[in-house]
Amino acid sequence: MEHLQFEFQGSSQTHGPREAVLVGVVSSGNLEVLIEHMDIKGRCSVEIRTSANGYGDIWQAVLNDFASRHDLSNLRISINDSGATPAVVSLRLDQAIGEYMECRDA
């Protein structure tokens, strides 16, 4: 089991306290993503626990793409992975942030 952590600096826009969102399921070739508000000085923190060791560079690339498409601040994203492909990771992250933003606007 590998544990990875990444941080991205968001804009000055703050995503206020909202209901946490959990999407996906940990199973073979899939993952779950939890997004929750946390006051971390405008940063977006991503913590990954994965059964696929040695793919830190791939995770970095997928998360860089995600961060470039979504300017996120004051969020903690927790990922439990069971060998998902980069395309599945990207899809699940987009699904999670979409649901989070929907809850935020409700």
Protein backbone atom coordinates (compact mmCIF):
# COMPACT_ATOMS: atom_id res chain seq x y z
CA MET A 1 0.00 0.00 0.00
CA GLU A 2 1.45 3.34 -1.04
CA HIS A 3 0.53 6.68 0.52
CA LEU A 4 0.94 9.84 -1.60
CA GLN A 5 0.25 13.49 -0.80
CA PHE A 6 -0.02 16.48 -3.11
CA GLU A 7 -0.94 20.12 -2.62
CA PHE A 8 -2.09 22.78 -5.04
CA GLN A 9 -2.48 26.49 -4.40
CA GLY A 10 -5.96 27.73 -5.28
CA SER A 11 -7.07 31.26 -6.02
CA SER A 12 -8.28 33.60 -3.34
CA GLN A 13 -11.78 32.19 -3.87
CA THR A 14 -12.77 30.22 -0.79
CA HIS A 15 -15.04 27.22 -0.95
CA GLY A 16 -16.92 27.60 2.32
CA PRO A 17 -18.00 24.79 4.60
CA ARG A 18 -20.33 22.47 2.72
CA GLU A 19 -21.48 18.92 3.04
CA ALA A 20 -18.71 16.43 2.27
CA VAL A 21 -19.12 14.35 -0.89
CA LEU A 22 -18.12 10.70 -1.37
CA VAL A 23 -18.23 9.07 -4.80
CA GLY A 24 -17.07 5.72 -6.13
CA VAL A 25 -16.29 2.45 -4.47
CA VAL A 26 -13.01 0.79 -3.63
CA SER A 27 -12.87 -2.37 -5.72
CA SER A 28 -10.63 -3.87 -8.35
CA GLY A 29 -9.81 -1.20 -10.92
CA ASN A 30 -11.81 1.53 -9.21
CA LEU A 31 -11.49 4.09 -6.43
CA GLU A 32 -13.43 6.28 -4.04
CA VAL A 33 -13.02 10.03 -3.66
CA LEU A 34 -13.99 12.05 -0.60
CA ILE A 35 -14.08 15.86 -0.89
CA GLU A 36 -14.49 18.00 2.19
CA HIS A 37 -13.96 21.60 3.20
CA MET A 38 -10.91 22.39 5.32
CA ASP A 39 -9.45 25.78 6.09
CA ILE A 40 -5.93 25.27 4.72
CA LYS A 41 -5.00 28.79 3.59
CA GLY A 42 -6.38 28.52 0.07
CA ARG A 43 -4.72 25.25 -0.77
CA CYS A 44 -6.22 22.04 -2.10
CA SER A 45 -4.73 18.99 -0.40
CA VAL A 46 -4.91 15.53 -2.00
CA GLU A 47 -4.11 12.36 -0.06
CA ILE A 48 -3.99 9.03 -1.89
CA ARG A 49 -3.85 5.50 -0.56
CA THR A 50 -3.29 3.07 -3.40
CA SER A 51 -2.62 -0.62 -3.83
CA ALA A 52 -0.62 0.13 -7.02
CA ASN A 53 2.88 1.09 -5.90
CA GLY A 54 5.33 3.15 -7.95
CA TYR A 55 2.94 5.36 -9.92
CA GLY A 56 3.57 8.69 -8.19
CA ASP A 57 4.52 10.42 -11.45
CA ILE A 58 1.27 9.29 -13.09
CA TRP A 59 -0.75 10.50 -10.10
CA GLN A 60 1.06 13.85 -10.27
CA ALA A 61 0.21 14.23 -13.97
CA VAL A 62 -3.47 13.35 -13.47
CA LEU A 63 -3.77 15.70 -10.50
CA ASN A 64 -1.95 18.53 -12.31
CA ASP A 65 -4.50 18.22 -15.12
CA PHE A 66 -7.38 18.17 -12.61
CA ALA A 67 -6.02 21.23 -10.74
CA SER A 68 -5.57 23.14 -14.00
CA ARG A 69 -9.24 22.54 -14.92
CA HIS A 70 -10.66 23.30 -11.46
CA ASP A 71 -9.37 26.23 -9.40
CA LEU A 72 -9.97 24.74 -5.95
CA SER A 73 -9.14 26.14 -2.55
CA ASN A 74 -9.67 25.08 1.05
CA LEU A 75 -10.52 21.51 0.09
CA ARG A 76 -9.17 18.18 1.26
CA ILE A 77 -9.50 15.36 -1.24
CA SER A 78 -8.96 11.82 0.02
CA ILE A 79 -8.62 8.99 -2.49
CA ASN A 80 -8.68 5.26 -1.77
CA ASP A 81 -7.52 3.49 -4.92
CA SER A 82 -7.59 -0.12 -6.00
CA GLY A 83 -5.63 0.12 -9.23
CA ALA A 84 -7.80 2.51 -11.25
CA THR A 85 -6.49 3.68 -14.61
CA PRO A 86 -5.68 7.38 -15.07
CA ALA A 87 -8.85 7.84 -17.15
CA VAL A 88 -10.99 6.38 -14.35
CA VAL A 89 -9.22 8.57 -11.77
CA SER A 90 -9.88 11.69 -13.84
CA LEU A 91 -13.52 10.74 -14.38
CA ARG A 92 -14.08 10.04 -10.69
CA LEU A 93 -12.41 13.31 -9.63
CA ASP A 94 -14.60 15.26 -12.05
CA GLN A 95 -17.67 13.43 -10.75
CA ALA A 96 -16.75 14.23 -7.13
CA ILE A 97 -16.08 17.93 -7.70
CA GLY A 98 -19.27 18.20 -9.76
CA GLU A 99 -21.31 16.77 -6.90
CA TYR A 100 -19.48 18.94 -4.36
CA MET A 101 -20.16 22.11 -6.35
CA GLU A 102 -23.81 21.10 -6.74
CA CYS A 103 -24.10 20.71 -2.96
CA ARG A 104 -22.32 24.01 -2.51
CA ASP A 105 -24.78 25.85 -4.72
CA ALA A 106 -27.86 24.25 -3.18
